[in-house]
N, C-alpha and C. Protein backbone atom coordinates (compact mmCIF):
# COMPACT_ATOMS: atom_id res chain seq x y z
N MET A 1 -131.41 87.15 49.82
CA MET A 1 -132.59 86.79 49.09
C MET A 1 -132.85 85.30 49.25
N GLY A 2 -134.08 84.92 49.58
CA GLY A 2 -134.41 83.52 49.82
C GLY A 2 -134.59 82.72 48.54
N THR A 3 -134.45 81.44 48.67
CA THR A 3 -134.65 80.54 47.56
C THR A 3 -136.12 80.14 47.49
N VAL A 4 -136.69 80.16 46.33
CA VAL A 4 -138.07 79.74 46.17
C VAL A 4 -138.13 78.22 46.20
N ARG A 5 -139.01 77.70 47.03
CA ARG A 5 -139.24 76.25 47.07
C ARG A 5 -140.52 75.96 46.32
N TRP A 6 -140.55 74.83 45.62
CA TRP A 6 -141.69 74.46 44.80
C TRP A 6 -142.31 73.16 45.27
N GLU A 7 -143.61 73.05 45.08
CA GLU A 7 -144.26 71.76 45.21
C GLU A 7 -144.74 71.37 43.82
N PHE A 8 -144.78 70.09 43.55
CA PHE A 8 -145.10 69.59 42.22
C PHE A 8 -146.31 68.68 42.26
N LEU A 9 -147.02 68.63 41.14
CA LEU A 9 -148.21 67.79 41.01
C LEU A 9 -148.24 67.23 39.60
N THR A 10 -148.51 65.95 39.47
CA THR A 10 -148.70 65.36 38.15
C THR A 10 -150.10 64.76 38.09
N ILE A 11 -150.75 64.93 36.94
CA ILE A 11 -152.07 64.36 36.73
C ILE A 11 -152.11 63.69 35.36
N THR A 12 -153.04 62.77 35.20
CA THR A 12 -153.25 62.13 33.91
C THR A 12 -154.50 62.71 33.28
N ILE A 13 -154.38 63.15 32.04
CA ILE A 13 -155.50 63.68 31.27
C ILE A 13 -155.78 62.67 30.16
N THR A 14 -156.97 62.07 30.17
CA THR A 14 -157.29 61.04 29.20
C THR A 14 -158.36 61.53 28.22
N TYR A 15 -158.36 60.93 27.05
CA TYR A 15 -159.38 61.26 26.06
C TYR A 15 -160.56 60.32 26.25
N ASP A 16 -161.74 60.88 26.48
CA ASP A 16 -162.96 60.11 26.61
C ASP A 16 -163.65 60.10 25.25
N GLY A 17 -163.45 59.02 24.51
CA GLY A 17 -164.03 58.91 23.18
C GLY A 17 -165.47 58.45 23.20
N GLY A 18 -166.02 58.21 24.38
CA GLY A 18 -167.41 57.77 24.50
C GLY A 18 -168.36 58.92 24.33
N ARG A 19 -169.11 59.22 25.37
CA ARG A 19 -170.14 60.25 25.25
C ARG A 19 -169.59 61.67 25.31
N ARG A 20 -168.45 61.88 25.96
CA ARG A 20 -167.92 63.25 26.12
C ARG A 20 -167.18 63.75 24.90
N LYS A 21 -166.42 62.89 24.25
CA LYS A 21 -165.59 63.29 23.10
C LYS A 21 -164.71 64.48 23.45
N ASP A 22 -164.03 64.38 24.59
CA ASP A 22 -163.18 65.48 25.05
C ASP A 22 -162.14 64.93 26.03
N TRP A 23 -161.21 65.78 26.39
CA TRP A 23 -160.16 65.43 27.35
C TRP A 23 -160.72 65.58 28.76
N VAL A 24 -160.34 64.63 29.66
CA VAL A 24 -160.96 64.54 30.98
C VAL A 24 -159.93 64.22 32.05
N VAL A 25 -160.11 64.83 33.23
CA VAL A 25 -159.39 64.42 34.44
C VAL A 25 -160.44 63.80 35.34
N LYS A 26 -160.25 62.54 35.70
CA LYS A 26 -161.22 61.83 36.53
C LYS A 26 -160.76 61.84 37.98
N TYR A 27 -161.72 62.03 38.86
CA TYR A 27 -161.47 62.05 40.30
C TYR A 27 -162.32 60.97 40.96
N ARG A 28 -161.87 60.46 42.08
CA ARG A 28 -162.64 59.47 42.84
C ARG A 28 -163.80 60.11 43.57
N GLU A 29 -163.57 61.27 44.17
CA GLU A 29 -164.52 61.87 45.10
C GLU A 29 -165.38 62.98 44.51
N ARG A 30 -165.21 63.30 43.25
CA ARG A 30 -166.03 64.36 42.64
C ARG A 30 -166.17 64.15 41.14
N ALA A 31 -167.01 64.99 40.55
CA ALA A 31 -167.27 64.88 39.11
C ALA A 31 -166.00 65.14 38.31
N PRO A 32 -165.89 64.54 37.12
CA PRO A 32 -164.70 64.77 36.29
C PRO A 32 -164.64 66.20 35.77
N LEU A 33 -163.42 66.60 35.46
CA LEU A 33 -163.16 67.91 34.87
C LEU A 33 -163.00 67.68 33.37
N VAL A 34 -163.82 68.33 32.55
CA VAL A 34 -163.89 68.04 31.12
C VAL A 34 -163.41 69.23 30.30
N GLY A 35 -162.51 68.95 29.33
CA GLY A 35 -162.01 69.97 28.42
C GLY A 35 -160.66 70.50 28.83
N PHE A 36 -159.73 70.59 27.88
CA PHE A 36 -158.38 71.05 28.18
C PHE A 36 -158.38 72.45 28.80
N GLN A 37 -159.17 73.34 28.25
CA GLN A 37 -159.19 74.71 28.78
C GLN A 37 -159.71 74.73 30.22
N ALA A 38 -160.75 73.96 30.49
CA ALA A 38 -161.30 73.89 31.84
C ALA A 38 -160.29 73.29 32.82
N ILE A 39 -159.54 72.31 32.36
CA ILE A 39 -158.52 71.68 33.20
C ILE A 39 -157.43 72.71 33.55
N LEU A 40 -156.92 73.39 32.53
CA LEU A 40 -155.87 74.39 32.77
C LEU A 40 -156.38 75.53 33.65
N ASP A 41 -157.60 76.02 33.38
CA ASP A 41 -158.16 77.10 34.18
C ASP A 41 -158.34 76.69 35.64
N SER A 42 -158.80 75.47 35.87
CA SER A 42 -159.02 74.99 37.23
C SER A 42 -157.73 74.93 38.03
N TYR A 43 -156.69 74.33 37.44
CA TYR A 43 -155.43 74.20 38.17
C TYR A 43 -154.71 75.54 38.32
N SER A 44 -154.76 76.38 37.30
CA SER A 44 -154.08 77.68 37.41
C SER A 44 -154.77 78.58 38.43
N SER A 45 -156.08 78.45 38.57
CA SER A 45 -156.80 79.27 39.56
C SER A 45 -156.40 78.91 40.99
N ARG A 46 -155.81 77.73 41.16
CA ARG A 46 -155.33 77.31 42.49
C ARG A 46 -153.81 77.50 42.62
N GLY A 47 -153.24 78.26 41.69
CA GLY A 47 -151.82 78.60 41.80
C GLY A 47 -150.87 77.67 41.10
N TRP A 48 -151.37 76.67 40.39
CA TRP A 48 -150.50 75.72 39.70
C TRP A 48 -150.11 76.25 38.33
N GLU A 49 -148.83 76.11 38.01
CA GLU A 49 -148.28 76.51 36.71
C GLU A 49 -147.93 75.25 35.92
N LEU A 50 -148.44 75.14 34.69
CA LEU A 50 -148.13 73.99 33.86
C LEU A 50 -146.67 74.04 33.43
N MET A 51 -145.93 72.98 33.73
CA MET A 51 -144.51 72.91 33.35
C MET A 51 -144.28 72.03 32.13
N ALA A 52 -145.03 70.92 32.05
CA ALA A 52 -144.82 69.98 30.96
C ALA A 52 -146.11 69.23 30.67
N LEU A 53 -146.28 68.89 29.41
CA LEU A 53 -147.42 68.09 28.97
C LEU A 53 -146.87 67.04 28.02
N ASN A 54 -146.80 65.79 28.48
CA ASN A 54 -146.16 64.72 27.72
C ASN A 54 -147.15 63.63 27.38
N PRO A 55 -147.13 63.12 26.14
CA PRO A 55 -147.99 61.98 25.80
C PRO A 55 -147.61 60.79 26.69
N GLU A 56 -148.62 60.10 27.18
CA GLU A 56 -148.38 58.97 28.07
C GLU A 56 -148.74 57.65 27.39
N ARG A 57 -149.91 57.58 26.76
CA ARG A 57 -150.34 56.40 26.04
C ARG A 57 -150.70 56.81 24.62
N MET A 58 -150.30 56.00 23.67
CA MET A 58 -150.56 56.31 22.27
C MET A 58 -151.41 55.19 21.66
N ARG A 59 -152.07 55.52 20.54
CA ARG A 59 -152.80 54.50 19.80
C ARG A 59 -152.65 54.77 18.31
N ALA A 60 -152.75 53.70 17.54
CA ALA A 60 -152.68 53.82 16.08
C ALA A 60 -154.09 53.88 15.53
N VAL A 61 -154.33 54.83 14.63
CA VAL A 61 -155.64 55.03 14.03
C VAL A 61 -155.48 54.97 12.52
N VAL A 62 -156.33 54.19 11.86
CA VAL A 62 -156.29 54.08 10.40
C VAL A 62 -157.01 55.28 9.79
N GLY A 63 -156.36 55.89 8.83
CA GLY A 63 -156.97 57.02 8.14
C GLY A 63 -156.39 57.18 6.75
N PHE A 64 -157.22 57.15 5.74
CA PHE A 64 -156.79 57.33 4.35
C PHE A 64 -155.68 56.36 3.96
N GLY A 65 -155.82 55.11 4.39
CA GLY A 65 -154.85 54.07 4.01
C GLY A 65 -153.55 54.11 4.79
N GLN A 66 -153.45 54.99 5.78
CA GLN A 66 -152.24 55.08 6.59
C GLN A 66 -152.62 55.02 8.06
N TYR A 67 -151.65 54.66 8.87
CA TYR A 67 -151.85 54.70 10.31
C TYR A 67 -151.35 56.03 10.85
N HIS A 68 -152.11 56.61 11.73
CA HIS A 68 -151.70 57.83 12.42
C HIS A 68 -151.59 57.50 13.90
N ILE A 69 -150.54 57.97 14.51
CA ILE A 69 -150.34 57.76 15.93
C ILE A 69 -150.86 58.99 16.66
N GLU A 70 -151.74 58.78 17.64
CA GLU A 70 -152.28 59.91 18.41
C GLU A 70 -152.32 59.53 19.89
N PRO A 71 -152.19 60.52 20.75
CA PRO A 71 -152.19 60.24 22.19
C PRO A 71 -153.59 59.88 22.69
N GLN A 72 -153.63 58.94 23.65
CA GLN A 72 -154.86 58.61 24.36
C GLN A 72 -154.87 59.30 25.72
N SER A 73 -153.67 59.58 26.22
CA SER A 73 -153.57 60.28 27.50
C SER A 73 -152.28 61.08 27.55
N TYR A 74 -152.32 62.11 28.39
CA TYR A 74 -151.15 62.95 28.64
C TYR A 74 -150.84 62.94 30.12
N ARG A 75 -149.58 63.14 30.45
CA ARG A 75 -149.15 63.35 31.82
C ARG A 75 -148.81 64.83 31.93
N ALA A 76 -149.57 65.56 32.75
CA ALA A 76 -149.34 66.99 32.96
C ALA A 76 -148.60 67.19 34.28
N THR A 77 -147.55 67.98 34.25
CA THR A 77 -146.78 68.29 35.45
C THR A 77 -146.93 69.77 35.75
N PHE A 78 -147.36 70.07 36.96
CA PHE A 78 -147.57 71.43 37.43
C PHE A 78 -146.64 71.73 38.59
N ARG A 79 -146.42 73.02 38.84
CA ARG A 79 -145.66 73.43 40.03
C ARG A 79 -146.29 74.72 40.58
N ARG A 80 -146.05 74.94 41.87
CA ARG A 80 -146.42 76.22 42.50
C ARG A 80 -145.48 76.45 43.66
N PRO A 81 -145.23 77.71 43.99
CA PRO A 81 -144.31 78.01 45.07
C PRO A 81 -144.91 77.61 46.43
N VAL A 82 -144.04 77.12 47.28
CA VAL A 82 -144.43 76.78 48.65
C VAL A 82 -144.39 78.06 49.46
N GLU A 83 -145.34 78.25 50.33
CA GLU A 83 -145.45 79.50 51.12
C GLU A 83 -144.17 79.86 51.87
N GLY A 84 -143.63 78.93 52.64
CA GLY A 84 -142.41 79.22 53.40
C GLY A 84 -141.19 79.22 52.53
N ARG A 85 -140.33 80.18 52.71
CA ARG A 85 -139.08 80.25 51.94
C ARG A 85 -137.92 79.97 52.89
N ASP A 86 -136.84 79.42 52.32
CA ASP A 86 -135.62 79.13 53.12
C ASP A 86 -134.87 80.39 53.43
């Protein structure tokens, strides 16, 4: 039985607090991908499996006399099997 080989991909998902008010993946050569569900659907439709979602940048927000820490961006790590097997 062959060993499955994987390829990995990491992307940054940032919160656009401006006009979009949603999570976004920005690309240089095409329009941004907006919304967590749209991001996951897009990558999974190309065979990528989400392995980890980790906060990357945090910010402090004042609310009701207390500070709340919330993420400004996440680092998403995906994997998918490589066609050729050993």
